[in-house]
């Protein structure tokens, strides 16, 4: 398994697939990546589209400390919109 370079990680769409992109960025095997996802032990929220699982690119970058300090201040929490109180 070849790990992803920083350039490959930075050159990703808004939603990145759990495997191979996220798993390889974390240096995990496919089975380990899916096992951690199933146990809800990944350090970020998963986005499910059908049977596929994705991670927000910005969350992956933040976890890997690849966001600049000005970029990190602009990132809203992944659950902010779903947690807003409704009147």
Protein backbone atom coordinates (compact mmCIF):
# COMPACT_ATOMS: atom_id res chain seq x y z
CA UNK A 1 0.00 0.00 0.00
CA UNK A 2 1.46 3.32 -1.09
CA UNK A 3 0.69 6.28 1.14
CA UNK A 4 -0.61 9.48 -0.44
CA UNK A 5 1.69 12.46 -0.81
CA UNK A 6 0.71 15.84 0.61
CA UNK A 7 0.14 17.11 -2.95
CA UNK A 8 -2.24 14.20 -3.64
CA UNK A 9 -4.12 14.89 -0.40
CA UNK A 10 -4.45 18.60 -1.18
CA UNK A 11 -5.69 17.87 -4.71
CA UNK A 12 -9.00 16.27 -3.71
CA UNK A 13 -12.66 17.20 -4.20
CA UNK A 14 -14.91 18.49 -1.39
CA UNK A 15 -15.91 14.93 -0.43
CA UNK A 16 -13.20 12.28 -0.46
CA UNK A 17 -13.94 8.54 -0.49
CA UNK A 18 -13.26 6.60 2.68
CA UNK A 19 -11.24 4.10 0.68
CA UNK A 20 -8.74 4.50 -0.82
CA UNK A 21 -8.18 8.22 -0.21
CA UNK A 22 -8.86 8.60 3.52
CA UNK A 23 -7.45 5.20 4.43
CA UNK A 24 -4.23 5.80 2.55
CA UNK A 25 -3.91 9.35 3.89
CA UNK A 26 -4.08 7.87 7.40
CA UNK A 27 -1.70 5.05 6.50
CA UNK A 28 -4.30 2.34 7.18
CA UNK A 29 -5.12 -0.86 5.32
CA UNK A 30 -8.52 -1.14 3.65
CA UNK A 31 -9.89 -3.56 6.24
CA UNK A 32 -8.69 -1.39 9.13
CA UNK A 33 -10.20 1.74 7.56
CA UNK A 34 -13.62 0.11 7.16
CA UNK A 35 -13.43 -1.44 10.64
CA UNK A 36 -12.70 1.94 12.25
CA UNK A 37 -15.58 3.46 10.29
CA UNK A 38 -17.96 0.70 11.39
CA UNK A 39 -16.95 1.23 15.02
CA UNK A 40 -17.33 5.03 14.64
CA UNK A 41 -13.70 5.47 15.67
CA UNK A 42 -12.51 7.74 12.88
CA UNK A 43 -11.58 11.27 13.96
CA UNK A 44 -14.17 12.87 11.66
CA UNK A 45 -17.79 12.53 10.60
CA UNK A 46 -18.67 10.24 7.69
CA UNK A 47 -21.02 11.33 4.93
CA UNK A 48 -23.06 8.48 3.46
CA UNK A 49 -24.24 8.66 -0.13
CA UNK A 50 -25.98 5.41 -0.93
CA UNK A 51 -23.67 2.61 0.12
CA UNK A 52 -20.53 4.71 -0.20
CA UNK A 53 -18.89 6.62 2.61
CA UNK A 54 -17.07 9.91 2.29
CA UNK A 55 -15.27 12.42 4.49
CA UNK A 56 -15.30 16.19 4.01
CA UNK A 57 -11.96 17.18 2.51
CA UNK A 58 -11.64 20.10 4.90
CA UNK A 59 -12.06 17.72 7.90
CA UNK A 60 -9.30 15.47 6.58
CA UNK A 61 -7.01 18.47 6.03
CA UNK A 62 -7.71 19.78 9.53
CA UNK A 63 -6.99 16.37 11.11
CA UNK A 64 -3.71 16.11 9.19
CA UNK A 65 -2.83 19.72 10.15
CA UNK A 66 -2.61 20.75 6.49
CA UNK A 67 -4.81 23.83 6.84
CA UNK A 68 -3.18 27.21 7.34
CA UNK A 69 -4.17 29.12 10.48
CA UNK A 70 -6.36 31.52 8.48
CA UNK A 71 -8.03 28.54 6.73
CA UNK A 72 -8.73 26.79 10.02
CA UNK A 73 -10.55 29.85 11.40
CA UNK A 74 -12.94 29.83 8.43
CA UNK A 75 -13.92 26.16 8.75
CA UNK A 76 -17.26 25.63 10.45
CA UNK A 77 -17.82 22.51 12.55
CA UNK A 78 -19.25 19.64 10.49
CA UNK A 79 -22.40 19.43 12.62
CA UNK A 80 -23.06 23.13 13.13
CA UNK A 81 -26.03 23.33 10.78
CA UNK A 82 -27.68 20.20 12.14
CA UNK A 83 -27.37 21.32 15.75
CA UNK A 84 -28.96 24.75 15.39
CA UNK A 85 -31.96 25.18 17.62
CA UNK A 86 -35.27 25.66 15.90
CA UNK A 87 -37.87 28.01 17.37
